Amino acid sequence: MDDTTYSGIMLVTTTPHPNLDEAEFNAWYDNIHISEIRARVAGIEAVERFCTEAGEQPPRYLTVYRISRPAPAILADMRAAGLSDSAPMLDMLNNPPTIASYDALA
């Protein structure tokens, strides 16, 4: 992969809802959530997910989105994309998702 084709990254941390099986959470995230985002938001070039060891403090998962447009534009498009409701899948009360975005240095 040639990183010079990307203009930045977005880092998103998530923790599954405590009453949700992690396999169900991962199936939703991988097969529905990421697919929706990639279909509806231009400029997301690659997605990679990571997780901590079971039992470690939240957040449990990290998703890295490699983007080819400025991060603020990607985030605005994600908010406007009409994605399915993720609240039932995530621990919104104790560990809501966090998003950090970084544009490449010139």
Foldseek 3Di string as FASTA:
>chain_A
DDLVQFFWKKKKFFAWAPVDDVVVLVCCCVPAVVVLLPVQFPFFDDKDKDADPPPDDDPGMMMMTGGNDDPVSRVVSVVVRPGPDCVNTTNCPPHNMDMDMDTDDD
